[in-house]
Amino acid sequence: MNKEIFQKAIDKWGKEAQINKIQEEALELALALNKRKCPTKDIEQIEENLYDELADMKIMLAQAEIIFDADRINERVKFKLDKLKSML
């Protein structure tokens, strides 16, 4: 992904605004995942929205690695993956 674009977004709107956007996108993803259970909704529309929200969240997580300490995030990812591996 393009780190330069992410940095420009952070520079334009500021870290706090982008942190709020991370929260917003996380909530929207949670709602999109929840809608998958609803039998009265159009499954194709639900799926399209889900993939849009997954893409938005991926973009915001990439910005989180710029805003916060990417090395520390990656250390925790490694720890969690090791933990998952030990459970399998």
C-alpha atoms as a PDB file:
ATOM      1  CA  MET A   1       0.000   0.000   0.000  1.00  0.00           C
ATOM      2  CA  ASN A   2       1.022   3.578  -0.526  1.00  0.00           C
ATOM      3  CA  LYS A   3       2.504   4.966   2.692  1.00  0.00           C
ATOM      4  CA  GLU A   4       2.863   8.404   1.102  1.00  0.00           C
ATOM      5  CA  ILE A   5      -0.922   8.713   0.625  1.00  0.00           C
ATOM      6  CA  PHE A   6      -1.535   7.636   4.224  1.00  0.00           C
ATOM      7  CA  GLN A   7       0.949  10.215   5.520  1.00  0.00           C
ATOM      8  CA  LYS A   8      -0.691  12.938   3.415  1.00  0.00           C
ATOM      9  CA  ALA A   9      -4.082  12.073   4.945  1.00  0.00           C
ATOM     10  CA  ILE A  10      -2.603  12.255   8.448  1.00  0.00           C
ATOM     11  CA  ASP A  11      -0.892  15.566   7.631  1.00  0.00           C
ATOM     12  CA  LYS A  12      -4.080  17.032   6.138  1.00  0.00           C
ATOM     13  CA  TRP A  13      -6.599  15.993   8.815  1.00  0.00           C
ATOM     14  CA  GLY A  14      -4.347  15.407  11.816  1.00  0.00           C
ATOM     15  CA  LYS A  15      -3.617  12.390  13.991  1.00  0.00           C
ATOM     16  CA  GLU A  16      -6.637  12.769  16.269  1.00  0.00           C
ATOM     17  CA  ALA A  17      -9.053  12.995  13.344  1.00  0.00           C
ATOM     18  CA  GLN A  18      -7.537   9.887  11.792  1.00  0.00           C
ATOM     19  CA  ILE A  19      -7.698   8.037  15.127  1.00  0.00           C
ATOM     20  CA  ASN A  20     -11.405   8.932  15.249  1.00  0.00           C
ATOM     21  CA  LYS A  21     -11.704   7.642  11.692  1.00  0.00           C
ATOM     22  CA  ILE A  22     -10.086   4.344  12.746  1.00  0.00           C
ATOM     23  CA  GLN A  23     -12.764   4.019  15.441  1.00  0.00           C
ATOM     24  CA  GLU A  24     -15.521   4.886  12.974  1.00  0.00           C
ATOM     25  CA  GLU A  25     -14.347   2.355  10.408  1.00  0.00           C
ATOM     26  CA  ALA A  26     -13.973  -0.351  13.087  1.00  0.00           C
ATOM     27  CA  LEU A  27     -17.579   0.227  14.134  1.00  0.00           C
ATOM     28  CA  GLU A  28     -18.794   0.187  10.541  1.00  0.00           C
ATOM     29  CA  LEU A  29     -16.974  -3.103   9.957  1.00  0.00           C
ATOM     30  CA  ALA A  30     -18.537  -4.596  13.086  1.00  0.00           C
ATOM     31  CA  LEU A  31     -21.984  -3.547  11.882  1.00  0.00           C
ATOM     32  CA  ALA A  32     -21.355  -4.938   8.393  1.00  0.00           C
ATOM     33  CA  LEU A  33     -20.287  -8.264   9.890  1.00  0.00           C
ATOM     34  CA  ASN A  34     -23.384  -8.311  12.078  1.00  0.00           C
ATOM     35  CA  LYS A  35     -25.696  -7.685   9.093  1.00  0.00           C
ATOM     36  CA  ARG A  36     -24.533 -10.957   7.541  1.00  0.00           C
ATOM     37  CA  LYS A  37     -26.855 -12.705  10.023  1.00  0.00           C
ATOM     38  CA  CYS A  38     -29.989 -10.838   8.905  1.00  0.00           C
ATOM     39  CA  PRO A  39     -32.171 -13.050   6.665  1.00  0.00           C
ATOM     40  CA  THR A  40     -34.242 -10.124   5.334  1.00  0.00           C
ATOM     41  CA  LYS A  41     -31.317  -8.263   3.754  1.00  0.00           C
ATOM     42  CA  ASP A  42     -30.024  -8.574   0.184  1.00  0.00           C
ATOM     43  CA  ILE A  43     -26.994 -10.873   0.497  1.00  0.00           C
ATOM     44  CA  GLU A  44     -25.190  -9.334  -2.494  1.00  0.00           C
ATOM     45  CA  GLN A  45     -25.533  -5.826  -1.059  1.00  0.00           C
ATOM     46  CA  ILE A  46     -24.448  -7.051   2.362  1.00  0.00           C
ATOM     47  CA  GLU A  47     -21.380  -8.727   0.859  1.00  0.00           C
ATOM     48  CA  GLU A  48     -20.435  -5.673  -1.204  1.00  0.00           C
ATOM     49  CA  ASN A  49     -20.737  -3.452   1.879  1.00  0.00           C
ATOM     50  CA  LEU A  50     -18.700  -5.929   3.927  1.00  0.00           C
ATOM     51  CA  TYR A  51     -15.823  -5.854   1.431  1.00  0.00           C
ATOM     52  CA  ASP A  52     -15.960  -2.042   1.328  1.00  0.00           C
ATOM     53  CA  GLU A  53     -15.715  -1.911   5.118  1.00  0.00           C
ATOM     54  CA  LEU A  54     -12.871  -4.450   5.148  1.00  0.00           C
ATOM     55  CA  ALA A  55     -11.008  -2.272   2.643  1.00  0.00           C
ATOM     56  CA  ASP A  56     -11.653   0.863   4.699  1.00  0.00           C
ATOM     57  CA  MET A  57     -10.395  -0.867   7.840  1.00  0.00           C
ATOM     58  CA  LYS A  58      -7.262  -2.089   6.075  1.00  0.00           C
ATOM     59  CA  ILE A  59      -6.517   1.470   4.968  1.00  0.00           C
ATOM     60  CA  MET A  60      -7.052   2.830   8.467  1.00  0.00           C
ATOM     61  CA  LEU A  61      -4.899   0.125  10.070  1.00  0.00           C
ATOM     62  CA  ALA A  62      -2.093   1.115   7.706  1.00  0.00           C
ATOM     63  CA  GLN A  63      -2.473   4.689   8.971  1.00  0.00           C
ATOM     64  CA  ALA A  64      -2.456   3.401  12.556  1.00  0.00           C
ATOM     65  CA  GLU A  65       1.000   1.964  11.905  1.00  0.00           C
ATOM     66  CA  ILE A  66       2.162   5.476  11.041  1.00  0.00           C
ATOM     67  CA  ILE A  67       0.357   7.231  13.889  1.00  0.00           C
ATOM     68  CA  PHE A  68       1.387   4.707  16.529  1.00  0.00           C
ATOM     69  CA  ASP A  69       4.615   2.743  16.976  1.00  0.00           C
ATOM     70  CA  ALA A  70       4.695   0.251  14.073  1.00  0.00           C
ATOM     71  CA  ASP A  71       7.503  -1.752  15.663  1.00  0.00           C
ATOM     72  CA  ARG A  72       5.544  -2.144  18.873  1.00  0.00           C
ATOM     73  CA  ILE A  73       2.427  -3.147  16.921  1.00  0.00           C
ATOM     74  CA  ASN A  74       4.445  -5.735  15.012  1.00  0.00           C
ATOM     75  CA  GLU A  75       5.929  -7.088  18.253  1.00  0.00           C
ATOM     76  CA  ARG A  76       2.405  -7.640  19.569  1.00  0.00           C
ATOM     77  CA  VAL A  77       1.333  -9.231  16.288  1.00  0.00           C
ATOM     78  CA  LYS A  78       4.248 -11.662  16.542  1.00  0.00           C
ATOM     79  CA  PHE A  79       3.366 -12.433  20.175  1.00  0.00           C
ATOM     80  CA  LYS A  80      -0.274 -13.070  19.279  1.00  0.00           C
ATOM     81  CA  LEU A  81       0.639 -15.222  16.269  1.00  0.00           C
ATOM     82  CA  ASP A  82       2.999 -17.276  18.423  1.00  0.00           C
ATOM     83  CA  LYS A  83       0.199 -17.716  20.942  1.00  0.00           C
ATOM     84  CA  LEU A  84      -2.223 -18.763  18.196  1.00  0.00           C
ATOM     85  CA  LYS A  85       0.349 -21.193  16.796  1.00  0.00           C
ATOM     86  CA  SER A  86       0.767 -22.806  20.214  1.00  0.00           C
ATOM     87  CA  MET A  87      -2.995 -23.355  20.437  1.00  0.00           C
ATOM     88  CA  LEU A  88      -3.201 -25.114  17.059  1.00  0.00           C
END
